[in-house]
């Protein structure tokens, strides 16, 4: 197809047709993949409810690297913004290493 011979409106129409066709094919591919997955699960005896169960993501706990010397409840992992007590500690001229947990 020689696109250089098409007008701007014909090109836009073609673009819309391509978008629609791509969307349709994507839906068909997803449906086909879903059928294949269900067939595999059924062939090995996995119940559908187990296959569809969504596993919750568990965030890994980050170890605390810094702890206030006089108040152990004040802790910081070293990630993200520095808490106010860390900023105050550093402003007072103390070293961050002195707070290592």
PDB file of N, CA and C in Angstrom:
ATOM      1  N   UNK A   1       0.864  -1.178   0.000  1.00  0.00           N
ATOM      2  CA  UNK A   1       0.000   0.000   0.000  1.00  0.00           C
ATOM      3  C   UNK A   1       0.904   1.232   0.000  1.00  0.00           C
ATOM      4  N   UNK A   2       0.668   2.110  -0.933  1.00  0.00           N
ATOM      5  CA  UNK A   2       1.453   3.338  -1.046  1.00  0.00           C
ATOM      6  C   UNK A   2       0.730   4.445  -0.285  1.00  0.00           C
ATOM      7  N   UNK A   3       1.198   4.751   0.896  1.00  0.00           N
ATOM      8  CA  UNK A   3       0.539   5.746   1.752  1.00  0.00           C
ATOM      9  C   UNK A   3       0.708   7.167   1.230  1.00  0.00           C
ATOM     10  N   UNK A   4       1.701   7.391   0.426  1.00  0.00           N
ATOM     11  CA  UNK A   4       1.948   8.747  -0.067  1.00  0.00           C
ATOM     12  C   UNK A   4       0.834   9.238  -0.994  1.00  0.00           C
ATOM     13  N   UNK A   5       0.028   8.330  -1.526  1.00  0.00           N
ATOM     14  CA  UNK A   5      -1.052   8.713  -2.434  1.00  0.00           C
ATOM     15  C   UNK A   5      -2.362   8.988  -1.709  1.00  0.00           C
ATOM     16  N   UNK A   6      -2.392   8.730  -0.407  1.00  0.00           N
ATOM     17  CA  UNK A   6      -3.614   8.943   0.362  1.00  0.00           C
ATOM     18  C   UNK A   6      -3.681  10.377   0.878  1.00  0.00           C
ATOM     19  N   UNK A   7      -4.909  10.873   0.977  1.00  0.00           N
ATOM     20  CA  UNK A   7      -5.106  12.211   1.539  1.00  0.00           C
ATOM     21  C   UNK A   7      -4.994  12.131   3.062  1.00  0.00           C
ATOM     22  N   UNK A   8      -4.952  13.295   3.695  1.00  0.00           N
ATOM     23  CA  UNK A   8      -4.856  13.333   5.158  1.00  0.00           C
ATOM     24  C   UNK A   8      -6.064  12.669   5.804  1.00  0.00           C
ATOM     25  N   UNK A   9      -7.248  12.913   5.287  1.00  0.00           N
ATOM     26  CA  UNK A   9      -8.447  12.319   5.886  1.00  0.00           C
ATOM     27  C   UNK A   9      -8.457  10.809   5.660  1.00  0.00           C
ATOM     28  N   UNK A  10      -7.966  10.344   4.536  1.00  0.00           N
ATOM     29  CA  UNK A  10      -7.886   8.905   4.294  1.00  0.00           C
ATOM     30  C   UNK A  10      -6.865   8.261   5.240  1.00  0.00           C
ATOM     31  N   UNK A  11      -5.783   8.960   5.488  1.00  0.00           N
ATOM     32  CA  UNK A  11      -4.784   8.456   6.429  1.00  0.00           C
ATOM     33  C   UNK A  11      -5.352   8.368   7.847  1.00  0.00           C
ATOM     34  N   UNK A  12      -6.132   9.388   8.247  1.00  0.00           N
ATOM     35  CA  UNK A  12      -6.754   9.366   9.583  1.00  0.00           C
ATOM     36  C   UNK A  12      -7.749   8.213   9.692  1.00  0.00           C
ATOM     37  N   UNK A  13      -8.533   8.006   8.629  1.00  0.00           N
ATOM     38  CA  UNK A  13      -9.474   6.890   8.625  1.00  0.00           C
ATOM     39  C   UNK A  13      -8.731   5.563   8.747  1.00  0.00           C
ATOM     40  N   UNK A  14      -7.651   5.441   8.014  1.00  0.00           N
ATOM     41  CA  UNK A  14      -6.836   4.236   8.075  1.00  0.00           C
ATOM     42  C   UNK A  14      -6.260   4.034   9.480  1.00  0.00           C
ATOM     43  N   UNK A  15      -5.837   5.133  10.071  1.00  0.00           N
ATOM     44  CA  UNK A  15      -5.287   5.079  11.423  1.00  0.00           C
ATOM     45  C   UNK A  15      -6.357   4.579  12.407  1.00  0.00           C
ATOM     46  N   UNK A  16      -7.579   5.079  12.265  1.00  0.00           N
ATOM     47  CA  UNK A  16      -8.673   4.627  13.140  1.00  0.00           C
ATOM     48  C   UNK A  16      -8.958   3.149  12.926  1.00  0.00           C
ATOM     49  N   UNK A  17      -8.937   2.715  11.677  1.00  0.00           N
ATOM     50  CA  UNK A  17      -9.177   1.303  11.380  1.00  0.00           C
ATOM     51  C   UNK A  17      -8.091   0.425  11.992  1.00  0.00           C
ATOM     52  N   UNK A  18      -6.853   0.891  11.919  1.00  0.00           N
ATOM     53  CA  UNK A  18      -5.738   0.133  12.497  1.00  0.00           C
ATOM     54  C   UNK A  18      -5.905   0.025  14.009  1.00  0.00           C
ATOM     55  N   UNK A  19      -6.269   1.117  14.649  1.00  0.00           N
ATOM     56  CA  UNK A  19      -6.482   1.096  16.109  1.00  0.00           C
ATOM     57  C   UNK A  19      -7.566   0.093  16.486  1.00  0.00           C
ATOM     58  N   UNK A  20      -8.675   0.141  15.762  1.00  0.00           N
ATOM     59  CA  UNK A  20      -9.784  -0.771  16.044  1.00  0.00           C
ATOM     60  C   UNK A  20      -9.372  -2.224  15.828  1.00  0.00           C
ATOM     61  N   UNK A  21      -8.655  -2.480  14.748  1.00  0.00           N
ATOM     62  CA  UNK A  21      -8.207  -3.843  14.455  1.00  0.00           C
ATOM     63  C   UNK A  21      -7.238  -4.345  15.523  1.00  0.00           C
ATOM     64  N   UNK A  22      -6.330  -3.486  15.948  1.00  0.00           N
ATOM     65  CA  UNK A  22      -5.389  -3.875  16.999  1.00  0.00           C
ATOM     66  C   UNK A  22      -6.115  -4.177  18.306  1.00  0.00           C
ATOM     67  N   UNK A  23      -7.093  -3.370  18.633  1.00  0.00           N
ATOM     68  CA  UNK A  23      -7.871  -3.585  19.857  1.00  0.00           C
ATOM     69  C   UNK A  23      -8.619  -4.913  19.785  1.00  0.00           C
ATOM     70  N   UNK A  24      -9.231  -5.198  18.629  1.00  0.00           N
ATOM     71  CA  UNK A  24      -9.964  -6.442  18.435  1.00  0.00           C
ATOM     72  C   UNK A  24      -9.043  -7.648  18.548  1.00  0.00           C
ATOM     73  N   UNK A  25      -7.879  -7.557  17.920  1.00  0.00           N
ATOM     74  CA  UNK A  25      -6.927  -8.671  17.974  1.00  0.00           C
ATOM     75  C   UNK A  25      -6.410  -8.895  19.390  1.00  0.00           C
ATOM     76  N   UNK A  26      -6.198  -7.813  20.115  1.00  0.00           N
ATOM     77  CA  UNK A  26      -5.741  -7.945  21.500  1.00  0.00           C
ATOM     78  C   UNK A  26      -6.780  -8.681  22.332  1.00  0.00           C
ATOM     79  N   UNK A  27      -8.057  -8.327  22.166  1.00  0.00           N
ATOM     80  CA  UNK A  27      -9.122  -9.023  22.898  1.00  0.00           C
ATOM     81  C   UNK A  27      -9.154 -10.504  22.528  1.00  0.00           C
ATOM     82  N   UNK A  28      -8.997 -10.808  21.249  1.00  0.00           N
ATOM     83  CA  UNK A  28      -9.001 -12.204  20.806  1.00  0.00           C
ATOM     84  C   UNK A  28      -7.822 -12.970  21.379  1.00  0.00           C
ATOM     85  N   UNK A  29      -6.648 -12.346  21.396  1.00  0.00           N
ATOM     86  CA  UNK A  29      -5.456 -13.005  21.929  1.00  0.00           C
ATOM     87  C   UNK A  29      -5.584 -13.257  23.426  1.00  0.00           C
ATOM     88  N   UNK A  30      -6.165 -12.313  24.140  1.00  0.00           N
ATOM     89  CA  UNK A  30      -6.365 -12.489  25.585  1.00  0.00           C
ATOM     90  C   UNK A  30      -7.356 -13.625  25.836  1.00  0.00           C
ATOM     91  N   UNK A  31      -8.431 -13.660  25.061  1.00  0.00           N
ATOM     92  CA  UNK A  31      -9.424 -14.727  25.221  1.00  0.00           C
ATOM     93  C   UNK A  31      -8.797 -16.089  24.921  1.00  0.00           C
ATOM     94  N   UNK A  32      -7.973 -16.160  23.875  1.00  0.00           N
ATOM     95  CA  UNK A  32      -7.316 -17.410  23.511  1.00  0.00           C
ATOM     96  C   UNK A  32      -6.344 -17.841  24.607  1.00  0.00           C
ATOM     97  N   UNK A  33      -5.581 -16.897  25.132  1.00  0.00           N
ATOM     98  CA  UNK A  33      -4.638 -17.204  26.213  1.00  0.00           C
ATOM     99  C   UNK A  33      -5.377 -17.688  27.451  1.00  0.00           C
ATOM    100  N   UNK A  34      -6.489 -17.051  27.767  1.00  0.00           N
ATOM    101  CA  UNK A  34      -7.287 -17.447  28.933  1.00  0.00           C
ATOM    102  C   UNK A  34      -7.778 -18.891  28.767  1.00  0.00           C
ATOM    103  N   UNK A  35      -8.266 -19.225  27.567  1.00  0.00           N
ATOM    104  CA  UNK A  35      -8.742 -20.587  27.309  1.00  0.00           C
ATOM    105  C   UNK A  35      -7.609 -21.590  27.466  1.00  0.00           C
ATOM    106  N   UNK A  36      -6.426 -21.256  26.968  1.00  0.00           N
ATOM    107  CA  UNK A  36      -5.282 -22.153  27.085  1.00  0.00           C
ATOM    108  C   UNK A  36      -4.879 -22.352  28.543  1.00  0.00           C
ATOM    109  N   UNK A  37      -4.896 -21.280  29.303  1.00  0.00           N
ATOM    110  CA  UNK A  37      -4.536 -21.365  30.726  1.00  0.00           C
ATOM    111  C   UNK A  37      -5.530 -22.237  31.470  1.00  0.00           C
ATOM    112  N   UNK A  38      -6.811 -22.039  31.214  1.00  0.00           N
ATOM    113  CA  UNK A  38      -7.835 -22.850  31.877  1.00  0.00           C
ATOM    114  C   UNK A  38      -7.699 -24.320  31.479  1.00  0.00           C
ATOM    115  N   UNK A  39      -7.393 -24.591  30.211  1.00  0.00           N
ATOM    116  CA  UNK A  39      -7.233 -25.971  29.753  1.00  0.00           C
ATOM    117  C   UNK A  39      -6.049 -26.634  30.451  1.00  0.00           C
ATOM    118  N   UNK A  40      -4.944 -25.902  30.584  1.00  0.00           N
ATOM    119  CA  UNK A  40      -3.769 -26.445  31.276  1.00  0.00           C
ATOM    120  C   UNK A  40      -4.103 -26.721  32.740  1.00  0.00           C
ATOM    121  N   UNK A  41      -4.760 -25.765  33.391  1.00  0.00           N
ATOM    122  CA  UNK A  41      -5.118 -25.940  34.798  1.00  0.00           C
ATOM    123  C   UNK A  41      -6.032 -27.148  34.978  1.00  0.00           C
ATOM    124  N   UNK A  42      -6.982 -27.298  34.078  1.00  0.00           N
ATOM    125  CA  UNK A  42      -7.910 -28.425  34.173  1.00  0.00           C
ATOM    126  C   UNK A  42      -7.180 -29.745  33.941  1.00  0.00           C
ATOM    127  N   UNK A  43      -6.213 -29.754  33.024  1.00  0.00           N
ATOM    128  CA  UNK A  43      -5.494 -30.995  32.721  1.00  0.00           C
ATOM    129  C   UNK A  43      -4.626 -31.471  33.880  1.00  0.00           C
ATOM    130  N   UNK A  44      -4.175 -30.542  34.730  1.00  0.00           N
ATOM    131  CA  UNK A  44      -3.354 -30.940  35.881  1.00  0.00           C
ATOM    132  C   UNK A  44      -4.146 -30.958  37.182  1.00  0.00           C
ATOM    133  N   UNK A  45      -5.431 -30.667  37.095  1.00  0.00           N
ATOM    134  CA  UNK A  45      -6.300 -30.784  38.259  1.00  0.00           C
ATOM    135  C   UNK A  45      -6.288 -29.608  39.210  1.00  0.00           C
ATOM    136  N   UNK A  46      -5.949 -28.435  38.723  1.00  0.00           N
ATOM    137  CA  UNK A  46      -5.972 -27.244  39.576  1.00  0.00           C
ATOM    138  C   UNK A  46      -7.368 -26.632  39.503  1.00  0.00           C
ATOM    139  N   UNK A  47      -8.025 -26.464  40.654  1.00  0.00           N
ATOM    140  CA  UNK A  47      -9.361 -25.856  40.637  1.00  0.00           C
ATOM    141  C   UNK A  47      -9.306 -24.417  40.126  1.00  0.00           C
ATOM    142  N   UNK A  48     -10.358 -24.024  39.445  1.00  0.00           N
ATOM    143  CA  UNK A  48     -10.440 -22.691  38.865  1.00  0.00           C
ATOM    144  C   UNK A  48     -10.299 -21.608  39.927  1.00  0.00           C
ATOM    145  N   UNK A  49     -10.898 -21.811  41.102  1.00  0.00           N
ATOM    146  CA  UNK A  49     -10.810 -20.792  42.156  1.00  0.00           C
ATOM    147  C   UNK A  49      -9.375 -20.606  42.633  1.00  0.00           C
ATOM    148  N   UNK A  50      -8.574 -21.689  42.649  1.00  0.00           N
ATOM    149  CA  UNK A  50      -7.166 -21.560  43.035  1.00  0.00           C
ATOM    150  C   UNK A  50      -6.366 -20.838  41.956  1.00  0.00           C
ATOM    151  N   UNK A  51      -6.736 -21.080  40.718  1.00  0.00           N
ATOM    152  CA  UNK A  51      -6.045 -20.442  39.607  1.00  0.00           C
ATOM    153  C   UNK A  51      -6.293 -18.942  39.604  1.00  0.00           C
ATOM    154  N   UNK A  52      -7.501 -18.546  39.962  1.00  0.00           N
ATOM    155  CA  UNK A  52      -7.869 -17.141  39.920  1.00  0.00           C
ATOM    156  C   UNK A  52      -7.575 -16.392  41.208  1.00  0.00           C
ATOM    157  N   UNK A  53      -7.147 -17.103  42.242  1.00  0.00           N
ATOM    158  CA  UNK A  53      -6.858 -16.456  43.520  1.00  0.00           C
ATOM    159  C   UNK A  53      -5.713 -15.474  43.346  1.00  0.00           C
ATOM    160  N   UNK A  54      -5.923 -14.291  43.841  1.00  0.00           N
ATOM    161  CA  UNK A  54      -4.904 -13.252  43.744  1.00  0.00           C
ATOM    162  C   UNK A  54      -4.070 -13.274  45.013  1.00  0.00           C
ATOM    163  N   UNK A  55      -2.783 -13.406  44.832  1.00  0.00           N
ATOM    164  CA  UNK A  55      -1.870 -13.418  45.961  1.00  0.00           C
ATOM    165  C   UNK A  55      -1.550 -11.984  46.368  1.00  0.00           C
ATOM    166  N   UNK A  56      -1.761 -11.622  47.624  1.00  0.00           N
ATOM    167  CA  UNK A  56      -1.415 -10.264  48.042  1.00  0.00           C
ATOM    168  C   UNK A  56       0.091 -10.072  48.042  1.00  0.00           C
ATOM    169  N   UNK A  57       0.511  -8.903  47.587  1.00  0.00           N
ATOM    170  CA  UNK A  57       1.929  -8.580  47.596  1.00  0.00           C
ATOM    171  C   UNK A  57       2.334  -8.179  49.006  1.00  0.00           C
ATOM    172  N   UNK A  58       3.403  -8.756  49.443  1.00  0.00           N
ATOM    173  CA  UNK A  58       3.914  -8.460  50.777  1.00  0.00           C
ATOM    174  C   UNK A  58       5.183  -7.638  50.617  1.00  0.00           C
ATOM    175  N   UNK A  59       5.179  -6.474  51.230  1.00  0.00           N
ATOM    176  CA  UNK A  59       6.378  -5.633  51.165  1.00  0.00           C
ATOM    177  C   UNK A  59       7.403  -6.160  52.162  1.00  0.00           C
ATOM    178  N   UNK A  60       8.617  -6.221  51.698  1.00  0.00           N
ATOM    179  CA  UNK A  60       9.691  -6.665  52.575  1.00  0.00           C
ATOM    180  C   UNK A  60      10.009  -5.559  53.577  1.00  0.00           C
ATOM    181  N   UNK A  61      10.183  -5.962  54.826  1.00  0.00           N
ATOM    182  CA  UNK A  61      10.540  -4.996  55.857  1.00  0.00           C
ATOM    183  C   UNK A  61      11.994  -4.592  55.670  1.00  0.00           C
ATOM    184  N   UNK A  62      12.251  -3.320  55.855  1.00  0.00           N
ATOM    185  CA  UNK A  62      13.599  -2.793  55.751  1.00  0.00           C
ATOM    186  C   UNK A  62      14.155  -2.630  57.161  1.00  0.00           C
ATOM    187  N   UNK A  63      15.350  -3.091  57.356  1.00  0.00           N
ATOM    188  CA  UNK A  63      15.974  -2.997  58.674  1.00  0.00           C
ATOM    189  C   UNK A  63      16.235  -1.534  59.036  1.00  0.00           C
ATOM    190  N   UNK A  64      16.036  -1.214  60.295  1.00  0.00           N
ATOM    191  CA  UNK A  64      16.309   0.137  60.783  1.00  0.00           C
ATOM    192  C   UNK A  64      17.817   0.302  60.927  1.00  0.00           C
ATOM    193  N   UNK A  65      18.320   1.364  60.347  1.00  0.00           N
ATOM    194  CA  UNK A  65      19.767   1.610  60.391  1.00  0.00           C
ATOM    195  C   UNK A  65      20.148   2.639  61.442  1.00  0.00           C
ATOM    196  N   UNK A  66      19.208   3.519  61.792  1.00  0.00           N
ATOM    197  CA  UNK A  66      19.526   4.598  62.719  1.00  0.00           C
ATOM    198  C   UNK A  66      18.482   4.656  63.829  1.00  0.00           C
ATOM    199  N   UNK A  67      18.960   4.841  65.053  1.00  0.00           N
ATOM    200  CA  UNK A  67      18.081   4.903  66.212  1.00  0.00           C
ATOM    201  C   UNK A  67      18.543   6.057  67.104  1.00  0.00           C
ATOM    202  N   UNK A  68      17.577   6.829  67.593  1.00  0.00           N
ATOM    203  CA  UNK A  68      17.891   7.956  68.479  1.00  0.00           C
ATOM    204  C   UNK A  68      18.497   7.408  69.769  1.00  0.00           C
ATOM    205  N   UNK A  69      19.571   8.034  70.258  1.00  0.00           N
ATOM    206  CA  UNK A  69      20.254   7.497  71.439  1.00  0.00           C
ATOM    207  C   UNK A  69      19.432   7.538  72.725  1.00  0.00           C
ATOM    208  N   UNK A  70      18.544   8.503  72.861  1.00  0.00           N
ATOM    209  CA  UNK A  70      17.790   8.587  74.107  1.00  0.00           C
ATOM    210  C   UNK A  70      16.333   8.168  73.962  1.00  0.00           C
ATOM    211  N   UNK A  71      15.842   7.995  72.757  1.00  0.00           N
ATOM    212  CA  UNK A  71      14.461   7.579  72.531  1.00  0.00           C
ATOM    213  C   UNK A  71      14.453   6.502  71.446  1.00  0.00           C
ATOM    214  N   UNK A  72      14.441   5.231  71.859  1.00  0.00           N
ATOM    215  CA  UNK A  72      14.550   4.105  70.938  1.00  0.00           C
ATOM    216  C   UNK A  72      13.354   3.996  69.987  1.00  0.00           C
ATOM    217  N   UNK A  73      12.270   4.704  70.301  1.00  0.00           N
ATOM    218  CA  UNK A  73      11.112   4.635  69.402  1.00  0.00           C
ATOM    219  C   UNK A  73      11.342   5.450  68.135  1.00  0.00           C
ATOM    220  N   UNK A  74      12.330   6.339  68.165  1.00  0.00           N
ATOM    221  CA  UNK A  74      12.662   7.129  66.986  1.00  0.00           C
ATOM    222  C   UNK A  74      13.698   6.366  66.165  1.00  0.00           C
ATOM    223  N   UNK A  75      13.238   5.843  65.022  1.00  0.00           N
ATOM    224  CA  UNK A  75      14.099   5.049  64.160  1.00  0.00           C
ATOM    225  C   UNK A  75      13.954   5.522  62.724  1.00  0.00           C
ATOM    226  N   UNK A  76      14.987   5.222  61.921  1.00  0.00           N
ATOM    227  CA  UNK A  76      14.951   5.569  60.500  1.00  0.00           C
ATOM    228  C   UNK A  76      15.734   4.518  59.728  1.00  0.00           C
ATOM    229  N   UNK A  77      15.194   4.089  58.611  1.00  0.00           N
ATOM    230  CA  UNK A  77      15.829   3.045  57.803  1.00  0.00           C
ATOM    231  C   UNK A  77      16.955   3.588  56.935  1.00  0.00           C
ATOM    232  N   UNK A  78      17.023   4.899  56.790  1.00  0.00           N
ATOM    233  CA  UNK A  78      18.009   5.493  55.898  1.00  0.00           C
ATOM    234  C   UNK A  78      17.444   5.718  54.508  1.00  0.00           C
ATOM    235  N   UNK A  79      16.201   5.323  54.297  1.00  0.00           N
ATOM    236  CA  UNK A  79      15.531   5.510  53.010  1.00  0.00           C
ATOM    237  C   UNK A  79      14.543   6.657  53.116  1.00  0.00           C
ATOM    238  N   UNK A  80      14.339   7.320  52.016  1.00  0.00           N
ATOM    239  CA  UNK A  80      13.360   8.403  51.993  1.00  0.00           C
ATOM    240  C   UNK A  80      13.895   9.656  52.661  1.00  0.00           C
ATOM    241  N   UNK A  81      12.963  10.563  52.941  1.00  0.00           N
ATOM    242  CA  UNK A  81      13.352  11.836  53.566  1.00  0.00           C
ATOM    243  C   UNK A  81      13.814  11.615  54.993  1.00  0.00           C
ATOM    244  N   UNK A  82      14.741  12.429  55.385  1.00  0.00           N
ATOM    245  CA  UNK A  82      15.244  12.336  56.759  1.00  0.00           C
ATOM    246  C   UNK A  82      14.167  12.851  57.718  1.00  0.00           C
ATOM    247  N   UNK A  83      13.928  12.119  58.810  1.00  0.00           N
ATOM    248  CA  UNK A  83      12.987  12.616  59.817  1.00  0.00           C
ATOM    249  C   UNK A  83      13.550  13.866  60.489  1.00  0.00           C
ATOM    250  N   UNK A  84      12.667  14.618  61.125  1.00  0.00           N
ATOM    251  CA  UNK A  84      13.066  15.868  61.778  1.00  0.00           C
ATOM    252  C   UNK A  84      14.153  15.631  62.812  1.00  0.00           C
ATOM    253  N   UNK A  85      14.045  14.549  63.589  1.00  0.00           N
ATOM    254  CA  UNK A  85      15.038  14.317  64.637  1.00  0.00           C
ATOM    255  C   UNK A  85      16.430  14.050  64.049  1.00  0.00           C
ATOM    256  N   UNK A  86      16.501  13.449  62.868  1.00  0.00           N
ATOM    257  CA  UNK A  86      17.790  13.246  62.205  1.00  0.00           C
ATOM    258  C   UNK A  86      18.361  14.595  61.776  1.00  0.00           C
ATOM    259  N   UNK A  87      17.515  15.423  61.182  1.00  0.00           N
ATOM    260  CA  UNK A  87      17.967  16.748  60.744  1.00  0.00           C
ATOM    261  C   UNK A  87      18.465  17.572  61.922  1.00  0.00           C
ATOM    262  N   UNK A  88      17.729  17.501  63.035  1.00  0.00           N
ATOM    263  CA  UNK A  88      18.143  18.239  64.238  1.00  0.00           C
ATOM    264  C   UNK A  88      19.477  17.699  64.765  1.00  0.00           C
ATOM    265  N   UNK A  89      19.630  16.384  64.734  1.00  0.00           N
ATOM    266  CA  UNK A  89      20.868  15.746  65.200  1.00  0.00           C
ATOM    267  C   UNK A  89      22.059  16.230  64.371  1.00  0.00           C
ATOM    268  N   UNK A  90      21.883  16.227  63.052  1.00  0.00           N
ATOM    269  CA  UNK A  90      22.965  16.659  62.162  1.00  0.00           C
ATOM    270  C   UNK A  90      23.236  18.157  62.300  1.00  0.00           C
ATOM    271  N   UNK A  91      22.189  18.956  62.499  1.00  0.00           N
ATOM    272  CA  UNK A  91      22.341  20.408  62.652  1.00  0.00           C
ATOM    273  C   UNK A  91      23.098  20.742  63.930  1.00  0.00           C
ATOM    274  N   UNK A  92      22.983  19.862  64.918  1.00  0.00           N
ATOM    275  CA  UNK A  92      23.696  20.081  66.180  1.00  0.00           C
ATOM    276  C   UNK A  92      25.171  19.698  66.066  1.00  0.00           C
ATOM    277  N   UNK A  93      25.573  19.229  64.884  1.00  0.00           N
ATOM    278  CA  UNK A  93      26.979  18.907  64.682  1.00  0.00           C
ATOM    279  C   UNK A  93      27.354  17.472  64.971  1.00  0.00           C
ATOM    280  N   UNK A  94      26.379  16.631  65.224  1.00  0.00           N
ATOM    281  CA  UNK A  94      26.665  15.220  65.505  1.00  0.00           C
ATOM    282  C   UNK A  94      26.791  14.447  64.198  1.00  0.00           C
ATOM    283  N   UNK A  95      27.487  13.332  64.254  1.00  0.00           N
ATOM    284  CA  UNK A  95      27.677  12.478  63.080  1.00  0.00           C
ATOM    285  C   UNK A  95      26.538  11.489  62.963  1.00  0.00           C
ATOM    286  N   UNK A  96      26.143  11.198  61.743  1.00  0.00           N
ATOM    287  CA  UNK A  96      25.067  10.251  61.499  1.00  0.00           C
ATOM    288  C   UNK A  96      25.474   8.836  61.941  1.00  0.00           C
ATOM    289  N   UNK A  97      26.736   8.528  61.829  1.00  0.00           N
ATOM    290  CA  UNK A  97      27.233   7.209  62.238  1.00  0.00           C
ATOM    291  C   UNK A  97      26.999   6.931  63.718  1.00  0.00           C
ATOM    292  N   UNK A  98      26.903   7.968  64.518  1.00  0.00           N
ATOM    293  CA  UNK A  98      26.689   7.788  65.954  1.00  0.00           C
ATOM    294  C   UNK A  98      25.297   7.227  66.251  1.00  0.00           C
ATOM    295  N   UNK A  99      24.392   7.285  65.266  1.00  0.00           N
ATOM    296  CA  UNK A  99      23.031   6.775  65.459  1.00  0.00           C
ATOM    297  C   UNK A  99      22.829   5.359  64.931  1.00  0.00           C
ATOM    298  N   UNK A 100      23.880   4.736  64.470  1.00  0.00           N
ATOM    299  CA  UNK A 100      23.745   3.389  63.880  1.00  0.00           C
ATOM    300  C   UNK A 100      23.111   2.450  64.862  1.00  0.00           C
ATOM    301  N   UNK A 101      22.120   1.709  64.351  1.00  0.00           N
ATOM    302  CA  UNK A 101      21.360   0.786  65.210  1.00  0.00           C
ATOM    303  C   UNK A 101      22.114  -0.477  65.481  1.00  0.00           C
TER     304      UNK A 101
END
